[in-house]
Amino acid sequence: MEREEAARQFGGWAARQIGGAVARAAGELGELVPPESRVHLLKAQREVFLAASAALEHRRHSQGSKSRRRARKIVLD
């Protein structure tokens, strides 16, 4: 139980740190990045944030179940 609580607290801390970094980067974006590149950079930042969030969620859910599921073979035509 303590480990799960620590992992949850760390996940919340990590999300706040990443969110703060993204907010600071977005605030300084106008000074550092040309206007035509801003949209591309914001989309890339969002993808990185979503990937990190998905990885943390996957790890949290996979640690919750003790048994590992075996991968199934997928037949392609």
PDB file of N, CA and C in Angstrom:
ATOM      1  N   MET A   1       0.806  -1.192   0.000  1.00  0.00           N
ATOM      2  CA  MET A   1       0.000   0.000   0.000  1.00  0.00           C
ATOM      3  C   MET A   1       0.854   1.263   0.000  1.00  0.00           C
ATOM      4  N   GLU A   2       1.890   1.273   0.807  1.00  0.00           N
ATOM      5  CA  GLU A   2       2.736   2.460   0.872  1.00  0.00           C
ATOM      6  C   GLU A   2       3.405   2.724  -0.460  1.00  0.00           C
ATOM      7  N   ARG A   3       3.801   1.652  -1.129  1.00  0.00           N
ATOM      8  CA  ARG A   3       4.458   1.801  -2.423  1.00  0.00           C
ATOM      9  C   ARG A   3       3.500   2.396  -3.459  1.00  0.00           C
ATOM     10  N   GLU A   4       2.253   1.932  -3.442  1.00  0.00           N
ATOM     11  CA  GLU A   4       1.260   2.465  -4.373  1.00  0.00           C
ATOM     12  C   GLU A   4       1.001   3.938  -4.113  1.00  0.00           C
ATOM     13  N   GLU A   5       0.916   4.298  -2.842  1.00  0.00           N
ATOM     14  CA  GLU A   5       0.685   5.700  -2.492  1.00  0.00           C
ATOM     15  C   GLU A   5       1.865   6.561  -2.926  1.00  0.00           C
ATOM     16  N   ALA A   6       3.081   6.052  -2.713  1.00  0.00           N
ATOM     17  CA  ALA A   6       4.278   6.794  -3.133  1.00  0.00           C
ATOM     18  C   ALA A   6       4.304   6.951  -4.649  1.00  0.00           C
ATOM     19  N   ALA A   7       3.938   5.893  -5.365  1.00  0.00           N
ATOM     20  CA  ALA A   7       3.912   5.965  -6.832  1.00  0.00           C
ATOM     21  C   ALA A   7       2.868   6.970  -7.299  1.00  0.00           C
ATOM     22  N   ARG A   8       1.710   7.003  -6.634  1.00  0.00           N
ATOM     23  CA  ARG A   8       0.664   7.948  -7.004  1.00  0.00           C
ATOM     24  C   ARG A   8       1.116   9.382  -6.739  1.00  0.00           C
ATOM     25  N   GLN A   9       1.765   9.591  -5.600  1.00  0.00           N
ATOM     26  CA  GLN A   9       2.256  10.932  -5.281  1.00  0.00           C
ATOM     27  C   GLN A   9       3.338  11.357  -6.262  1.00  0.00           C
ATOM     28  N   PHE A  10       4.233  10.429  -6.617  1.00  0.00           N
ATOM     29  CA  PHE A  10       5.277  10.758  -7.580  1.00  0.00           C
ATOM     30  C   PHE A  10       4.672  11.070  -8.940  1.00  0.00           C
ATOM     31  N   GLY A  11       3.663  10.302  -9.350  1.00  0.00           N
ATOM     32  CA  GLY A  11       3.003  10.559 -10.624  1.00  0.00           C
ATOM     33  C   GLY A  11       2.374  11.941 -10.659  1.00  0.00           C
ATOM     34  N   GLY A  12       1.740  12.330  -9.555  1.00  0.00           N
ATOM     35  CA  GLY A  12       1.146  13.663  -9.477  1.00  0.00           C
ATOM     36  C   GLY A  12       2.211  14.748  -9.508  1.00  0.00           C
ATOM     37  N   TRP A  13       3.305  14.508  -8.789  1.00  0.00           N
ATOM     38  CA  TRP A  13       4.417  15.467  -8.786  1.00  0.00           C
ATOM     39  C   TRP A  13       5.008  15.602 -10.192  1.00  0.00           C
ATOM     40  N   ALA A  14       5.225  14.465 -10.860  1.00  0.00           N
ATOM     41  CA  ALA A  14       5.805  14.497 -12.205  1.00  0.00           C
ATOM     42  C   ALA A  14       4.887  15.245 -13.172  1.00  0.00           C
ATOM     43  N   ALA A  15       3.592  15.003 -13.068  1.00  0.00           N
ATOM     44  CA  ALA A  15       2.640  15.689 -13.947  1.00  0.00           C
ATOM     45  C   ALA A  15       2.665  17.195 -13.711  1.00  0.00           C
ATOM     46  N   ARG A  16       2.751  17.602 -12.429  1.00  0.00           N
ATOM     47  CA  ARG A  16       2.819  19.036 -12.132  1.00  0.00           C
ATOM     48  C   ARG A  16       4.109  19.653 -12.667  1.00  0.00           C
ATOM     49  N   GLN A  17       5.218  18.943 -12.550  1.00  0.00           N
ATOM     50  CA  GLN A  17       6.487  19.464 -13.041  1.00  0.00           C
ATOM     51  C   GLN A  17       6.466  19.608 -14.565  1.00  0.00           C
ATOM     52  N   ILE A  18       5.960  18.601 -15.237  1.00  0.00           N
ATOM     53  CA  ILE A  18       5.883  18.654 -16.699  1.00  0.00           C
ATOM     54  C   ILE A  18       4.924  19.754 -17.132  1.00  0.00           C
ATOM     55  N   GLY A  19       3.784  19.847 -16.451  1.00  0.00           N
ATOM     56  CA  GLY A  19       2.822  20.902 -16.778  1.00  0.00           C
ATOM     57  C   GLY A  19       3.413  22.289 -16.590  1.00  0.00           C
ATOM     58  N   GLY A  20       4.169  22.465 -15.509  1.00  0.00           N
ATOM     59  CA  GLY A  20       4.815  23.756 -15.266  1.00  0.00           C
ATOM     60  C   GLY A  20       5.854  24.077 -16.326  1.00  0.00           C
ATOM     61  N   ALA A  21       6.619  23.064 -16.718  1.00  0.00           N
ATOM     62  CA  ALA A  21       7.635  23.273 -17.758  1.00  0.00           C
ATOM     63  C   ALA A  21       6.985  23.638 -19.087  1.00  0.00           C
ATOM     64  N   VAL A  22       5.891  22.975 -19.411  1.00  0.00           N
ATOM     65  CA  VAL A  22       5.181  23.279 -20.656  1.00  0.00           C
ATOM     66  C   VAL A  22       4.614  24.691 -20.609  1.00  0.00           C
ATOM     67  N   ALA A  23       4.065  25.080 -19.454  1.00  0.00           N
ATOM     68  CA  ALA A  23       3.509  26.435 -19.324  1.00  0.00           C
ATOM     69  C   ALA A  23       4.602  27.491 -19.476  1.00  0.00           C
ATOM     70  N   ARG A  24       5.766  27.259 -18.856  1.00  0.00           N
ATOM     71  CA  ARG A  24       6.878  28.210 -18.991  1.00  0.00           C
ATOM     72  C   ARG A  24       7.365  28.268 -20.435  1.00  0.00           C
ATOM     73  N   ALA A  25       7.470  27.097 -21.059  1.00  0.00           N
ATOM     74  CA  ALA A  25       7.934  27.068 -22.447  1.00  0.00           C
ATOM     75  C   ALA A  25       6.941  27.796 -23.356  1.00  0.00           C
ATOM     76  N   ALA A  26       5.654  27.601 -23.114  1.00  0.00           N
ATOM     77  CA  ALA A  26       4.639  28.273 -23.935  1.00  0.00           C
ATOM     78  C   ALA A  26       4.691  29.784 -23.713  1.00  0.00           C
ATOM     79  N   GLY A  27       4.969  30.210 -22.484  1.00  0.00           N
ATOM     80  CA  GLY A  27       5.061  31.638 -22.195  1.00  0.00           C
ATOM     81  C   GLY A  27       6.230  32.302 -22.895  1.00  0.00           C
ATOM     82  N   GLU A  28       7.317  31.578 -23.021  1.00  0.00           N
ATOM     83  CA  GLU A  28       8.511  32.121 -23.663  1.00  0.00           C
ATOM     84  C   GLU A  28       8.569  31.801 -25.152  1.00  0.00           C
ATOM     85  N   LEU A  29       7.575  31.113 -25.622  1.00  0.00           N
ATOM     86  CA  LEU A  29       7.562  30.666 -27.012  1.00  0.00           C
ATOM     87  C   LEU A  29       7.641  31.827 -27.992  1.00  0.00           C
ATOM     88  N   GLY A  30       6.943  32.901 -27.693  1.00  0.00           N
ATOM     89  CA  GLY A  30       6.914  34.051 -28.586  1.00  0.00           C
ATOM     90  C   GLY A  30       8.281  34.687 -28.770  1.00  0.00           C
ATOM     91  N   GLU A  31       9.112  34.615 -27.763  1.00  0.00           N
ATOM     92  CA  GLU A  31      10.433  35.229 -27.844  1.00  0.00           C
ATOM     93  C   GLU A  31      11.455  34.343 -28.536  1.00  0.00           C
ATOM     94  N   LEU A  32      11.272  33.031 -28.441  1.00  0.00           N
ATOM     95  CA  LEU A  32      12.308  32.107 -28.899  1.00  0.00           C
ATOM     96  C   LEU A  32      12.060  31.486 -30.271  1.00  0.00           C
ATOM     97  N   VAL A  33      10.804  31.315 -30.632  1.00  0.00           N
ATOM     98  CA  VAL A  33      10.467  30.548 -31.829  1.00  0.00           C
ATOM     99  C   VAL A  33       9.773  31.442 -32.848  1.00  0.00           C
ATOM    100  N   PRO A  34      10.159  31.314 -34.113  1.00  0.00           N
ATOM    101  CA  PRO A  34       9.468  32.090 -35.160  1.00  0.00           C
ATOM    102  C   PRO A  34       7.985  31.720 -35.227  1.00  0.00           C
ATOM    103  N   PRO A  35       7.149  32.658 -35.616  1.00  0.00           N
ATOM    104  CA  PRO A  35       5.697  32.417 -35.630  1.00  0.00           C
ATOM    105  C   PRO A  35       5.285  31.189 -36.445  1.00  0.00           C
ATOM    106  N   GLU A  36       5.935  30.940 -37.562  1.00  0.00           N
ATOM    107  CA  GLU A  36       5.526  29.808 -38.407  1.00  0.00           C
ATOM    108  C   GLU A  36       5.871  28.455 -37.789  1.00  0.00           C
ATOM    109  N   SER A  37       6.722  28.437 -36.788  1.00  0.00           N
ATOM    110  CA  SER A  37       7.129  27.177 -36.157  1.00  0.00           C
ATOM    111  C   SER A  37       6.392  26.895 -34.854  1.00  0.00           C
ATOM    112  N   ARG A  38       5.644  27.839 -34.350  1.00  0.00           N
ATOM    113  CA  ARG A  38       5.013  27.691 -33.037  1.00  0.00           C
ATOM    114  C   ARG A  38       4.003  26.563 -32.984  1.00  0.00           C
ATOM    115  N   VAL A  39       3.156  26.461 -33.985  1.00  0.00           N
ATOM    116  CA  VAL A  39       2.124  25.421 -33.984  1.00  0.00           C
ATOM    117  C   VAL A  39       2.764  24.048 -33.981  1.00  0.00           C
ATOM    118  N   HIS A  40       3.768  23.863 -34.805  1.00  0.00           N
ATOM    119  CA  HIS A  40       4.456  22.570 -34.870  1.00  0.00           C
ATOM    120  C   HIS A  40       5.090  22.234 -33.516  1.00  0.00           C
ATOM    121  N   LEU A  41       5.722  23.178 -32.884  1.00  0.00           N
ATOM    122  CA  LEU A  41       6.371  22.945 -31.603  1.00  0.00           C
ATOM    123  C   LEU A  41       5.349  22.625 -30.512  1.00  0.00           C
ATOM    124  N   LEU A  42       4.246  23.325 -30.487  1.00  0.00           N
ATOM    125  CA  LEU A  42       3.212  23.057 -29.490  1.00  0.00           C
ATOM    126  C   LEU A  42       2.618  21.655 -29.670  1.00  0.00           C
ATOM    127  N   LYS A  43       2.413  21.236 -30.915  1.00  0.00           N
ATOM    128  CA  LYS A  43       1.906  19.884 -31.158  1.00  0.00           C
ATOM    129  C   LYS A  43       2.917  18.835 -30.709  1.00  0.00           C
ATOM    130  N   ALA A  44       4.193  19.076 -30.969  1.00  0.00           N
ATOM    131  CA  ALA A  44       5.232  18.135 -30.546  1.00  0.00           C
ATOM    132  C   ALA A  44       5.301  18.062 -29.027  1.00  0.00           C
ATOM    133  N   GLN A  45       5.197  19.195 -28.342  1.00  0.00           N
ATOM    134  CA  GLN A  45       5.205  19.199 -26.881  1.00  0.00           C
ATOM    135  C   GLN A  45       4.017  18.419 -26.335  1.00  0.00           C
ATOM    136  N   ARG A  46       2.855  18.600 -26.941  1.00  0.00           N
ATOM    137  CA  ARG A  46       1.661  17.887 -26.495  1.00  0.00           C
ATOM    138  C   ARG A  46       1.832  16.383 -26.684  1.00  0.00           C
ATOM    139  N   GLU A  47       2.430  15.971 -27.802  1.00  0.00           N
ATOM    140  CA  GLU A  47       2.653  14.544 -28.043  1.00  0.00           C
ATOM    141  C   GLU A  47       3.606  13.943 -27.014  1.00  0.00           C
ATOM    142  N   VAL A  48       4.662  14.677 -26.675  1.00  0.00           N
ATOM    143  CA  VAL A  48       5.609  14.189 -25.671  1.00  0.00           C
ATOM    144  C   VAL A  48       4.917  14.062 -24.314  1.00  0.00           C
ATOM    145  N   PHE A  49       4.118  15.054 -23.951  1.00  0.00           N
ATOM    146  CA  PHE A  49       3.408  15.013 -22.682  1.00  0.00           C
ATOM    147  C   PHE A  49       2.429  13.845 -22.640  1.00  0.00           C
ATOM    148  N   LEU A  50       1.685  13.636 -23.716  1.00  0.00           N
ATOM    149  CA  LEU A  50       0.734  12.530 -23.753  1.00  0.00           C
ATOM    150  C   LEU A  50       1.445  11.178 -23.702  1.00  0.00           C
ATOM    151  N   ALA A  51       2.591  11.066 -24.383  1.00  0.00           N
ATOM    152  CA  ALA A  51       3.350   9.815 -24.346  1.00  0.00           C
ATOM    153  C   ALA A  51       3.860   9.525 -22.937  1.00  0.00           C
ATOM    154  N   ALA A  52       4.357  10.547 -22.257  1.00  0.00           N
ATOM    155  CA  ALA A  52       4.834  10.355 -20.878  1.00  0.00           C
ATOM    156  C   ALA A  52       3.674   9.969 -19.965  1.00  0.00           C
ATOM    157  N   SER A  53       2.526  10.603 -20.137  1.00  0.00           N
ATOM    158  CA  SER A  53       1.355  10.278 -19.325  1.00  0.00           C
ATOM    159  C   SER A  53       0.900   8.843 -19.582  1.00  0.00           C
ATOM    160  N   ALA A  54       0.880   8.443 -20.849  1.00  0.00           N
ATOM    161  CA  ALA A  54       0.464   7.079 -21.187  1.00  0.00           C
ATOM    162  C   ALA A  54       1.434   6.057 -20.607  1.00  0.00           C
ATOM    163  N   ALA A  55       2.731   6.347 -20.658  1.00  0.00           N
ATOM    164  CA  ALA A  55       3.724   5.427 -20.106  1.00  0.00           C
ATOM    165  C   ALA A  55       3.551   5.278 -18.602  1.00  0.00           C
ATOM    166  N   LEU A  56       3.300   6.392 -17.905  1.00  0.00           N
ATOM    167  CA  LEU A  56       3.080   6.320 -16.460  1.00  0.00           C
ATOM    168  C   LEU A  56       1.811   5.549 -16.126  1.00  0.00           C
ATOM    169  N   GLU A  57       0.745   5.785 -16.864  1.00  0.00           N
ATOM    170  CA  GLU A  57      -0.509   5.064 -16.631  1.00  0.00           C
ATOM    171  C   GLU A  57      -0.337   3.578 -16.897  1.00  0.00           C
ATOM    172  N   HIS A  58       0.336   3.243 -17.985  1.00  0.00           N
ATOM    173  CA  HIS A  58       0.542   1.829 -18.328  1.00  0.00           C
ATOM    174  C   HIS A  58       1.352   1.139 -17.240  1.00  0.00           C
ATOM    175  N   ARG A  59       2.385   1.798 -16.779  1.00  0.00           N
ATOM    176  CA  ARG A  59       3.216   1.200 -15.736  1.00  0.00           C
ATOM    177  C   ARG A  59       2.419   1.023 -14.445  1.00  0.00           C
ATOM    178  N   ARG A  60       1.606   2.010 -14.112  1.00  0.00           N
ATOM    179  CA  ARG A  60       0.812   1.920 -12.893  1.00  0.00           C
ATOM    180  C   ARG A  60      -0.187   0.780 -12.982  1.00  0.00           C
ATOM    181  N   HIS A  61      -0.847   0.636 -14.129  1.00  0.00           N
ATOM    182  CA  HIS A  61      -1.838  -0.431 -14.282  1.00  0.00           C
ATOM    183  C   HIS A  61      -1.179  -1.793 -14.379  1.00  0.00           C
ATOM    184  N   SER A  62      -0.028  -1.882 -15.028  1.00  0.00           N
ATOM    185  CA  SER A  62       0.610  -3.189 -15.179  1.00  0.00           C
ATOM    186  C   SER A  62       1.224  -3.657 -13.863  1.00  0.00           C
ATOM    187  N   GLN A  63       1.609  -2.746 -12.989  1.00  0.00           N
ATOM    188  CA  GLN A  63       2.141  -3.142 -11.691  1.00  0.00           C
ATOM    189  C   GLN A  63       1.024  -3.614 -10.771  1.00  0.00           C
ATOM    190  N   GLY A  64      -0.187  -3.175 -11.034  1.00  0.00           N
ATOM    191  CA  GLY A  64      -1.315  -3.571 -10.202  1.00  0.00           C
ATOM    192  C   GLY A  64      -1.682  -5.033 -10.365  1.00  0.00           C
ATOM    193  N   SER A  65      -1.495  -5.580 -11.561  1.00  0.00           N
ATOM    194  CA  SER A  65      -1.829  -6.981 -11.778  1.00  0.00           C
ATOM    195  C   SER A  65      -0.557  -7.814 -11.655  1.00  0.00           C
ATOM    196  N   LYS A  66      -0.648  -8.850 -10.850  1.00  0.00           N
ATOM    197  CA  LYS A  66       0.530  -9.688 -10.592  1.00  0.00           C
ATOM    198  C   LYS A  66       0.837 -10.611 -11.764  1.00  0.00           C
ATOM    199  N   SER A  67      -0.181 -11.098 -12.439  1.00  0.00           N
ATOM    200  CA  SER A  67       0.058 -12.021 -13.544  1.00  0.00           C
ATOM    201  C   SER A  67       0.255 -11.241 -14.838  1.00  0.00           C
ATOM    202  N   ARG A  68       1.229 -11.660 -15.589  1.00  0.00           N
ATOM    203  CA  ARG A  68       1.479 -11.013 -16.878  1.00  0.00           C
ATOM    204  C   ARG A  68       0.737 -11.781 -17.961  1.00  0.00           C
ATOM    205  N   ARG A  69       0.086 -11.054 -18.784  1.00  0.00           N
ATOM    206  CA  ARG A  69      -0.609 -11.703 -19.894  1.00  0.00           C
ATOM    207  C   ARG A  69       0.386 -12.017 -20.979  1.00  0.00           C
ATOM    208  N   ARG A  70       0.184 -13.124 -21.598  1.00  0.00           N
ATOM    209  CA  ARG A  70       1.040 -13.522 -22.699  1.00  0.00           C
ATOM    210  C   ARG A  70       0.595 -12.835 -23.972  1.00  0.00           C
ATOM    211  N   ALA A  71       1.551 -12.447 -24.768  1.00  0.00           N
ATOM    212  CA  ALA A  71       1.228 -11.795 -26.043  1.00  0.00           C
ATOM    213  C   ALA A  71       0.599 -12.824 -26.985  1.00  0.00           C
ATOM    214  N   ARG A  72      -0.405 -12.369 -27.708  1.00  0.00           N
ATOM    215  CA  ARG A  72      -1.047 -13.241 -28.688  1.00  0.00           C
ATOM    216  C   ARG A  72      -0.444 -12.998 -30.050  1.00  0.00           C
ATOM    217  N   LYS A  73      -0.359 -14.051 -30.826  1.00  0.00           N
ATOM    218  CA  LYS A  73       0.117 -13.936 -32.185  1.00  0.00           C
ATOM    219  C   LYS A  73      -1.012 -13.396 -33.037  1.00  0.00           C
ATOM    220  N   ILE A  74      -0.703 -12.371 -33.815  1.00  0.00           N
ATOM    221  CA  ILE A  74      -1.703 -11.772 -34.695  1.00  0.00           C
ATOM    222  C   ILE A  74      -1.395 -12.183 -36.118  1.00  0.00           C
ATOM    223  N   VAL A  75      -2.353 -12.823 -36.738  1.00  0.00           N
ATOM    224  CA  VAL A  75      -2.179 -13.307 -38.097  1.00  0.00           C
ATOM    225  C   VAL A  75      -2.511 -12.183 -39.069  1.00  0.00           C
ATOM    226  N   LEU A  76      -1.591 -11.876 -39.960  1.00  0.00           N
ATOM    227  CA  LEU A  76      -1.818 -10.852 -40.969  1.00  0.00           C
ATOM    228  C   LEU A  76      -2.079 -11.513 -42.298  1.00  0.00           C
ATOM    229  N   ASP A  77      -2.970 -10.944 -43.068  1.00  0.00           N
ATOM    230  CA  ASP A  77      -3.277 -11.496 -44.400  1.00  0.00           C
ATOM    231  C   ASP A  77      -2.152 -11.217 -45.365  1.00  0.00           C
TER     232      ASP A  77
END
